[in-house]
Amino acid sequence: AKLDQAAKQVAAQVAVNDEQQLAIDNASDNLARTVGSL
């Protein structure tokens, strides 16, 4: 049961990390477009 709980926590953290990485990638793309437009 403890191992199952730890696996769920790791999966949740991976999902959060993926969301954060996507937000960083999107912000980076937006910044690059803004600099290009300027």
All heavy atoms as atom14 arrays in JSON, in Angstrom:
{
  "sequence": "AKLDQAAKQVAAQVAVNDEQQLAIDNASDNLARTVGSL",
  "atom14_mask": [
    [1, 1, 1, 1, 1, 0, 0, 0, 0, 0, 0, 0, 0, 0],
    [1, 1, 1, 1, 1, 1, 1, 1, 1, 0, 0, 0, 0, 0],
    [1, 1, 1, 1, 1, 1, 1, 1, 0, 0, 0, 0, 0, 0],
    [1, 1, 1, 1, 1, 1, 1, 1, 0, 0, 0, 0, 0, 0],
    [1, 1, 1, 1, 1, 1, 1, 1, 1, 0, 0, 0, 0, 0],
    [1, 1, 1, 1, 1, 0, 0, 0, 0, 0, 0, 0, 0, 0],
    [1, 1, 1, 1, 1, 0, 0, 0, 0, 0, 0, 0, 0, 0],
    [1, 1, 1, 1, 1, 1, 1, 1, 1, 0, 0, 0, 0, 0],
    [1, 1, 1, 1, 1, 1, 1, 1, 1, 0, 0, 0, 0, 0],
    [1, 1, 1, 1, 1, 1, 1, 0, 0, 0, 0, 0, 0, 0],
    [1, 1, 1, 1, 1, 0, 0, 0, 0, 0, 0, 0, 0, 0],
    [1, 1, 1, 1, 1, 0, 0, 0, 0, 0, 0, 0, 0, 0],
    [1, 1, 1, 1, 1, 1, 1, 1, 1, 0, 0, 0, 0, 0],
    [1, 1, 1, 1, 1, 1, 1, 0, 0, 0, 0, 0, 0, 0],
    [1, 1, 1, 1, 1, 0, 0, 0, 0, 0, 0, 0, 0, 0],
    [1, 1, 1, 1, 1, 1, 1, 0, 0, 0, 0, 0, 0, 0],
    [1, 1, 1, 1, 1, 1, 1, 1, 0, 0, 0, 0, 0, 0],
    [1, 1, 1, 1, 1, 1, 1, 1, 0, 0, 0, 0, 0, 0],
    [1, 1, 1, 1, 1, 1, 1, 1, 1, 0, 0, 0, 0, 0],
    [1, 1, 1, 1, 1, 1, 1, 1, 1, 0, 0, 0, 0, 0],
    [1, 1, 1, 1, 1, 1, 1, 1, 1, 0, 0, 0, 0, 0],
    [1, 1, 1, 1, 1, 1, 1, 1, 0, 0, 0, 0, 0, 0],
    [1, 1, 1, 1, 1, 0, 0, 0, 0, 0, 0, 0, 0, 0],
    [1, 1, 1, 1, 1, 1, 1, 1, 0, 0, 0, 0, 0, 0],
    [1, 1, 1, 1, 1, 1, 1, 1, 0, 0, 0, 0, 0, 0],
    [1, 1, 1, 1, 1, 1, 1, 1, 0, 0, 0, 0, 0, 0],
    [1, 1, 1, 1, 1, 0, 0, 0, 0, 0, 0, 0, 0, 0],
    [1, 1, 1, 1, 1, 1, 0, 0, 0, 0, 0, 0, 0, 0],
    [1, 1, 1, 1, 1, 1, 1, 1, 0, 0, 0, 0, 0, 0],
    [1, 1, 1, 1, 1, 1, 1, 1, 0, 0, 0, 0, 0, 0],
    [1, 1, 1, 1, 1, 1, 1, 1, 0, 0, 0, 0, 0, 0],
    [1, 1, 1, 1, 1, 0, 0, 0, 0, 0, 0, 0, 0, 0],
    [1, 1, 1, 1, 1, 1, 1, 1, 1, 1, 1, 0, 0, 0],
    [1, 1, 1, 1, 1, 1, 1, 0, 0, 0, 0, 0, 0, 0],
    [1, 1, 1, 1, 1, 1, 1, 0, 0, 0, 0, 0, 0, 0],
    [1, 1, 1, 1, 0, 0, 0, 0, 0, 0, 0, 0, 0, 0],
    [1, 1, 1, 1, 1, 1, 0, 0, 0, 0, 0, 0, 0, 0],
    [1, 1, 1, 1, 1, 1, 1, 1, 0, 0, 0, 0, 0, 0]
  ],
  "atom14_positions": [
    [[0.83, -1.21, 0.0], [0.0, 0.0, 0.0], [0.87, 1.26, 0.0], [0.58, 2.22, -0.71], [-0.94, -0.01, 1.2], [0.0, 0.0, 0.0], [0.0, 0.0, 0.0], [0.0, 0.0, 0.0], [0.0, 0.0, 0.0], [0.0, 0.0, 0.0], [0.0, 0.0, 0.0], [0.0, 0.0, 0.0], [0.0, 0.0, 0.0], [0.0, 0.0, 0.0]],
    [[1.95, 1.23, 0.77], [2.87, 2.38, 0.8], [3.52, 2.58, -0.57], [3.67, 3.71, -1.04], [3.95, 2.19, 1.86], [3.47, 2.37, 3.28], [4.6, 2.16, 4.27], [4.13, 2.25, 5.7], [5.22, 2.01, 6.66], [0.0, 0.0, 0.0], [0.0, 0.0, 0.0], [0.0, 0.0, 0.0], [0.0, 0.0, 0.0], [0.0, 0.0, 0.0]],
    [[3.92, 1.48, -1.2], [4.53, 1.57, -2.52], [3.54, 2.12, -3.55], [3.91, 2.94, -4.4], [5.07, 0.21, -2.96], [6.31, -0.28, -2.23], [6.64, -1.71, -2.65], [7.49, 0.62, -2.5], [0.0, 0.0, 0.0], [0.0, 0.0, 0.0], [0.0, 0.0, 0.0], [0.0, 0.0, 0.0], [0.0, 0.0, 0.0], [0.0, 0.0, 0.0]],
    [[2.3, 1.67, -3.47], [1.27, 2.18, -4.38], [1.07, 3.67, -4.18], [0.95, 4.43, -5.15], [-0.06, 1.44, -4.17], [-0.03, 0.01, -4.69], [0.87, -0.32, -5.48], [-0.93, -0.76, -4.31], [0.0, 0.0, 0.0], [0.0, 0.0, 0.0], [0.0, 0.0, 0.0], [0.0, 0.0, 0.0], [0.0, 0.0, 0.0], [0.0, 0.0, 0.0]],
    [[1.03, 4.11, -2.92], [0.86, 5.53, -2.62], [2.05, 6.33, -3.16], [1.87, 7.4, -3.74], [0.72, 5.74, -1.1], [0.51, 7.19, -0.7], [-0.77, 7.78, -1.25], [-1.74, 7.08, -1.5], [-0.78, 9.08, -1.46], [0.0, 0.0, 0.0], [0.0, 0.0, 0.0], [0.0, 0.0, 0.0], [0.0, 0.0, 0.0], [0.0, 0.0, 0.0]],
    [[3.25, 5.83, -2.98], [4.45, 6.52, -3.48], [4.41, 6.61, -5.0], [4.77, 7.64, -5.57], [5.71, 5.81, -3.0], [0.0, 0.0, 0.0], [0.0, 0.0, 0.0], [0.0, 0.0, 0.0], [0.0, 0.0, 0.0], [0.0, 0.0, 0.0], [0.0, 0.0, 0.0], [0.0, 0.0, 0.0], [0.0, 0.0, 0.0], [0.0, 0.0, 0.0]],
    [[3.98, 5.55, -5.65], [3.89, 5.55, -7.12], [2.88, 6.59, -7.59], [3.13, 7.29, -8.59], [3.51, 4.16, -7.62], [0.0, 0.0, 0.0], [0.0, 0.0, 0.0], [0.0, 0.0, 0.0], [0.0, 0.0, 0.0], [0.0, 0.0, 0.0], [0.0, 0.0, 0.0], [0.0, 0.0, 0.0], [0.0, 0.0, 0.0], [0.0, 0.0, 0.0]],
    [[1.77, 6.71, -6.87], [0.77, 7.72, -7.23], [1.33, 9.13, -7.04], [1.08, 10.01, -7.86], [-0.5, 7.54, -6.39], [-1.29, 6.31, -6.77], [-2.48, 6.11, -5.86], [-3.2, 4.82, -6.19], [-4.31, 4.54, -5.27], [0.0, 0.0, 0.0], [0.0, 0.0, 0.0], [0.0, 0.0, 0.0], [0.0, 0.0, 0.0], [0.0, 0.0, 0.0]],
    [[2.09, 9.33, -5.98], [2.69, 10.64, -5.73], [3.7, 10.98, -6.83], [3.76, 12.13, -7.29], [3.35, 10.69, -4.36], [2.35, 10.69, -3.21], [3.03, 10.57, -1.85], [4.19, 10.19, -1.75], [2.28, 10.88, -0.8], [0.0, 0.0, 0.0], [0.0, 0.0, 0.0], [0.0, 0.0, 0.0], [0.0, 0.0, 0.0], [0.0, 0.0, 0.0]],
    [[4.49, 10.0, -7.22], [5.47, 10.24, -8.28], [4.76, 10.57, -9.59], [5.15, 11.5, -10.31], [6.39, 9.0, -8.46], [7.19, 9.09, -9.74], [7.32, 8.86, -7.26], [0.0, 0.0, 0.0], [0.0, 0.0, 0.0], [0.0, 0.0, 0.0], [0.0, 0.0, 0.0], [0.0, 0.0, 0.0], [0.0, 0.0, 0.0], [0.0, 0.0, 0.0]],
    [[3.7, 9.84, -9.9], [2.95, 10.1, -11.13], [2.35, 11.5, -11.11], [2.37, 12.21, -12.12], [1.85, 9.05, -11.3], [0.0, 0.0, 0.0], [0.0, 0.0, 0.0], [0.0, 0.0, 0.0], [0.0, 0.0, 0.0], [0.0, 0.0, 0.0], [0.0, 0.0, 0.0], [0.0, 0.0, 0.0], [0.0, 0.0, 0.0], [0.0, 0.0, 0.0]],
    [[1.83, 11.91, -9.95], [1.27, 13.26, -9.83], [2.36, 14.31, -10.01], [2.15, 15.33, -10.68], [0.59, 13.42, -8.47], [0.0, 0.0, 0.0], [0.0, 0.0, 0.0], [0.0, 0.0, 0.0], [0.0, 0.0, 0.0], [0.0, 0.0, 0.0], [0.0, 0.0, 0.0], [0.0, 0.0, 0.0], [0.0, 0.0, 0.0], [0.0, 0.0, 0.0]],
    [[3.54, 14.08, -9.43], [4.64, 15.04, -9.57], [5.12, 15.11, -11.02], [5.44, 16.18, -11.52], [5.8, 14.66, -8.65], [6.9, 15.7, -8.61], [6.42, 17.05, -8.11], [5.77, 17.14, -7.09], [6.73, 18.1, -8.84], [0.0, 0.0, 0.0], [0.0, 0.0, 0.0], [0.0, 0.0, 0.0], [0.0, 0.0, 0.0], [0.0, 0.0, 0.0]],
    [[5.14, 13.98, -11.7], [5.53, 13.97, -13.12], [4.54, 14.8, -13.94], [4.94, 15.59, -14.8], [5.62, 12.52, -13.65], [5.69, 12.49, -15.17], [6.82, 11.81, -13.05], [0.0, 0.0, 0.0], [0.0, 0.0, 0.0], [0.0, 0.0, 0.0], [0.0, 0.0, 0.0], [0.0, 0.0, 0.0], [0.0, 0.0, 0.0], [0.0, 0.0, 0.0]],
    [[3.25, 14.67, -13.63], [2.24, 15.45, -14.35], [2.44, 16.94, -14.1], [2.36, 17.75, -15.03], [0.84, 15.01, -13.91], [0.0, 0.0, 0.0], [0.0, 0.0, 0.0], [0.0, 0.0, 0.0], [0.0, 0.0, 0.0], [0.0, 0.0, 0.0], [0.0, 0.0, 0.0], [0.0, 0.0, 0.0], [0.0, 0.0, 0.0], [0.0, 0.0, 0.0]],
    [[2.72, 17.32, -12.86], [2.97, 18.73, -12.53], [4.21, 19.22, -13.27], [4.21, 20.32, -13.85], [3.12, 18.92, -11.0], [3.68, 20.29, -10.66], [1.78, 18.7, -10.32], [0.0, 0.0, 0.0], [0.0, 0.0, 0.0], [0.0, 0.0, 0.0], [0.0, 0.0, 0.0], [0.0, 0.0, 0.0], [0.0, 0.0, 0.0], [0.0, 0.0, 0.0]],
    [[5.26, 18.42, -13.25], [6.5, 18.81, -13.95], [6.25, 18.99, -15.45], [6.78, 19.92, -16.06], [7.6, 17.77, -13.72], [8.12, 17.76, -12.3], [7.79, 18.63, -11.5], [8.91, 16.77, -11.97], [0.0, 0.0, 0.0], [0.0, 0.0, 0.0], [0.0, 0.0, 0.0], [0.0, 0.0, 0.0], [0.0, 0.0, 0.0], [0.0, 0.0, 0.0]],
    [[5.46, 18.08, -16.03], [5.14, 18.19, -17.46], [4.38, 19.48, -17.75], [4.66, 20.17, -18.74], [4.34, 16.98, -17.93], [5.17, 15.7, -18.0], [6.42, 15.8, -17.96], [4.56, 14.61, -18.12], [0.0, 0.0, 0.0], [0.0, 0.0, 0.0], [0.0, 0.0, 0.0], [0.0, 0.0, 0.0], [0.0, 0.0, 0.0], [0.0, 0.0, 0.0]],
    [[3.42, 19.81, -16.88], [2.66, 21.05, -17.05], [3.56, 22.27, -16.93], [3.45, 23.22, -17.72], [1.53, 21.13, -16.02], [0.4, 20.17, -16.27], [-0.67, 20.24, -15.18], [-0.73, 21.24, -14.45], [-1.45, 19.28, -15.08], [0.0, 0.0, 0.0], [0.0, 0.0, 0.0], [0.0, 0.0, 0.0], [0.0, 0.0, 0.0], [0.0, 0.0, 0.0]],
    [[4.46, 22.24, -15.96], [5.39, 23.36, -15.79], [6.31, 23.49, -17.0], [6.57, 24.6, -17.47], [6.21, 23.19, -14.51], [5.42, 23.4, -13.25], [6.23, 23.11, -11.99], [7.27, 22.46, -12.05], [5.76, 23.59, -10.86], [0.0, 0.0, 0.0], [0.0, 0.0, 0.0], [0.0, 0.0, 0.0], [0.0, 0.0, 0.0], [0.0, 0.0, 0.0]],
    [[6.81, 22.38, -17.5], [7.69, 22.43, -18.66], [6.95, 22.97, -19.88], [7.51, 23.76, -20.66], [8.28, 21.04, -18.97], [9.33, 21.06, -20.06], [10.52, 21.94, -19.7], [11.09, 21.82, -18.63], [10.9, 22.84, -20.59], [0.0, 0.0, 0.0], [0.0, 0.0, 0.0], [0.0, 0.0, 0.0], [0.0, 0.0, 0.0], [0.0, 0.0, 0.0]],
    [[5.7, 22.58, -20.05], [4.89, 23.09, -21.16], [4.69, 24.6, -21.02], [4.82, 25.34, -22.01], [3.55, 22.37, -21.21], [2.61, 22.76, -22.34], [3.26, 22.5, -23.7], [1.28, 22.03, -22.23], [0.0, 0.0, 0.0], [0.0, 0.0, 0.0], [0.0, 0.0, 0.0], [0.0, 0.0, 0.0], [0.0, 0.0, 0.0], [0.0, 0.0, 0.0]],
    [[4.42, 25.07, -19.8], [4.26, 26.51, -19.58], [5.55, 27.26, -19.87], [5.53, 28.34, -20.48], [3.8, 26.76, -18.15], [0.0, 0.0, 0.0], [0.0, 0.0, 0.0], [0.0, 0.0, 0.0], [0.0, 0.0, 0.0], [0.0, 0.0, 0.0], [0.0, 0.0, 0.0], [0.0, 0.0, 0.0], [0.0, 0.0, 0.0], [0.0, 0.0, 0.0]],
    [[6.68, 26.7, -19.47], [7.98, 27.32, -19.76], [8.23, 27.36, -21.26], [8.66, 28.39, -21.81], [9.12, 26.56, -19.03], [9.02, 26.79, -17.53], [10.48, 26.96, -19.56], [9.91, 25.87, -16.7], [0.0, 0.0, 0.0], [0.0, 0.0, 0.0], [0.0, 0.0, 0.0], [0.0, 0.0, 0.0], [0.0, 0.0, 0.0], [0.0, 0.0, 0.0]],
    [[7.94, 26.26, -21.95], [8.12, 26.21, -23.4], [7.24, 27.25, -24.1], [7.69, 27.95, -25.01], [7.82, 24.82, -23.94], [8.85, 23.78, -23.51], [9.94, 24.17, -23.03], [8.56, 22.56, -23.64], [0.0, 0.0, 0.0], [0.0, 0.0, 0.0], [0.0, 0.0, 0.0], [0.0, 0.0, 0.0], [0.0, 0.0, 0.0], [0.0, 0.0, 0.0]],
    [[5.98, 27.35, -23.67], [5.06, 28.32, -24.27], [5.53, 29.75, -24.01], [5.49, 30.59, -24.91], [3.64, 28.13, -23.74], [2.99, 26.88, -24.29], [3.39, 26.36, -25.33], [1.98, 26.39, -23.6], [0.0, 0.0, 0.0], [0.0, 0.0, 0.0], [0.0, 0.0, 0.0], [0.0, 0.0, 0.0], [0.0, 0.0, 0.0], [0.0, 0.0, 0.0]],
    [[5.97, 30.03, -22.79], [6.47, 31.37, -22.47], [7.71, 31.7, -23.29], [7.87, 32.83, -23.77], [6.76, 31.48, -20.97], [0.0, 0.0, 0.0], [0.0, 0.0, 0.0], [0.0, 0.0, 0.0], [0.0, 0.0, 0.0], [0.0, 0.0, 0.0], [0.0, 0.0, 0.0], [0.0, 0.0, 0.0], [0.0, 0.0, 0.0], [0.0, 0.0, 0.0]],
    [[8.58, 30.73, -23.45], [9.78, 30.92, -24.25], [9.43, 31.21, -25.71], [10.0, 32.11, -26.35], [10.67, 29.69, -24.15], [11.81, 29.82, -24.95], [0.0, 0.0, 0.0], [0.0, 0.0, 0.0], [0.0, 0.0, 0.0], [0.0, 0.0, 0.0], [0.0, 0.0, 0.0], [0.0, 0.0, 0.0], [0.0, 0.0, 0.0], [0.0, 0.0, 0.0]],
    [[8.48, 30.45, -26.23], [8.03, 30.68, -27.61], [7.42, 32.07, -27.76], [7.69, 32.79, -28.73], [7.01, 29.62, -28.03], [7.62, 28.24, -28.2], [8.86, 28.14, -28.26], [6.84, 27.25, -28.27], [0.0, 0.0, 0.0], [0.0, 0.0, 0.0], [0.0, 0.0, 0.0], [0.0, 0.0, 0.0], [0.0, 0.0, 0.0], [0.0, 0.0, 0.0]],
    [[6.59, 32.46, -26.8], [5.97, 33.79, -26.84], [7.03, 34.89, -26.78], [6.94, 35.89, -27.49], [4.96, 33.96, -25.7], [3.72, 33.13, -25.91], [3.41, 32.72, -27.03], [3.01, 32.85, -24.82], [0.0, 0.0, 0.0], [0.0, 0.0, 0.0], [0.0, 0.0, 0.0], [0.0, 0.0, 0.0], [0.0, 0.0, 0.0], [0.0, 0.0, 0.0]],
    [[8.01, 34.72, -25.93], [9.09, 35.7, -25.82], [9.86, 35.81, -27.13], [10.17, 36.91, -27.6], [10.03, 35.33, -24.67], [11.19, 36.28, -24.41], [10.69, 37.68, -24.08], [12.06, 35.74, -23.29], [0.0, 0.0, 0.0], [0.0, 0.0, 0.0], [0.0, 0.0, 0.0], [0.0, 0.0, 0.0], [0.0, 0.0, 0.0], [0.0, 0.0, 0.0]],
    [[10.15, 34.66, -27.72], [10.87, 34.67, -29.0], [10.06, 35.37, -30.08], [10.6, 36.16, -30.87], [11.2, 33.24, -29.42], [0.0, 0.0, 0.0], [0.0, 0.0, 0.0], [0.0, 0.0, 0.0], [0.0, 0.0, 0.0], [0.0, 0.0, 0.0], [0.0, 0.0, 0.0], [0.0, 0.0, 0.0], [0.0, 0.0, 0.0], [0.0, 0.0, 0.0]],
    [[8.75, 35.13, -30.11], [7.9, 35.81, -31.09], [7.86, 37.31, -30.84], [7.91, 38.12, -31.77], [6.48, 35.23, -31.05], [6.34, 33.94, -31.83], [4.87, 33.58, -32.04], [4.2, 33.21, -30.8], [4.19, 31.99, -30.29], [4.8, 31.01, -30.92], [3.56, 31.74, -29.17], [0.0, 0.0, 0.0], [0.0, 0.0, 0.0], [0.0, 0.0, 0.0]],
    [[7.8, 37.69, -29.56], [7.76, 39.12, -29.21], [9.06, 39.8, -29.63], [9.04, 40.88, -30.23], [7.53, 39.29, -27.7], [6.3, 38.67, -27.35], [7.49, 40.75, -27.31], [0.0, 0.0, 0.0], [0.0, 0.0, 0.0], [0.0, 0.0, 0.0], [0.0, 0.0, 0.0], [0.0, 0.0, 0.0], [0.0, 0.0, 0.0], [0.0, 0.0, 0.0]],
    [[10.18, 39.19, -29.35], [11.47, 39.75, -29.74], [11.56, 39.83, -31.26], [12.0, 40.85, -31.82], [12.63, 38.93, -29.16], [13.96, 39.32, -29.79], [12.68, 39.07, -27.65], [0.0, 0.0, 0.0], [0.0, 0.0, 0.0], [0.0, 0.0, 0.0], [0.0, 0.0, 0.0], [0.0, 0.0, 0.0], [0.0, 0.0, 0.0], [0.0, 0.0, 0.0]],
    [[11.1, 38.82, -31.95], [11.1, 38.83, -33.41], [10.22, 39.93, -33.96], [10.57, 40.61, -34.93], [0.0, 0.0, 0.0], [0.0, 0.0, 0.0], [0.0, 0.0, 0.0], [0.0, 0.0, 0.0], [0.0, 0.0, 0.0], [0.0, 0.0, 0.0], [0.0, 0.0, 0.0], [0.0, 0.0, 0.0], [0.0, 0.0, 0.0], [0.0, 0.0, 0.0]],
    [[9.04, 40.15, -33.36], [8.16, 41.21, -33.82], [8.77, 42.57, -33.59], [8.63, 43.47, -34.42], [6.82, 41.24, -33.14], [6.31, 40.13, -32.73], [0.0, 0.0, 0.0], [0.0, 0.0, 0.0], [0.0, 0.0, 0.0], [0.0, 0.0, 0.0], [0.0, 0.0, 0.0], [0.0, 0.0, 0.0], [0.0, 0.0, 0.0], [0.0, 0.0, 0.0]],
    [[9.43, 42.74, -32.44], [10.05, 44.03, -32.16], [11.17, 44.31, -33.17], [11.31, 45.42, -33.65], [10.62, 44.07, -30.74], [9.59, 44.14, -29.61], [10.28, 44.02, -28.27], [8.8, 45.43, -29.7], [0.0, 0.0, 0.0], [0.0, 0.0, 0.0], [0.0, 0.0, 0.0], [0.0, 0.0, 0.0], [0.0, 0.0, 0.0], [0.0, 0.0, 0.0]]
  ]
}
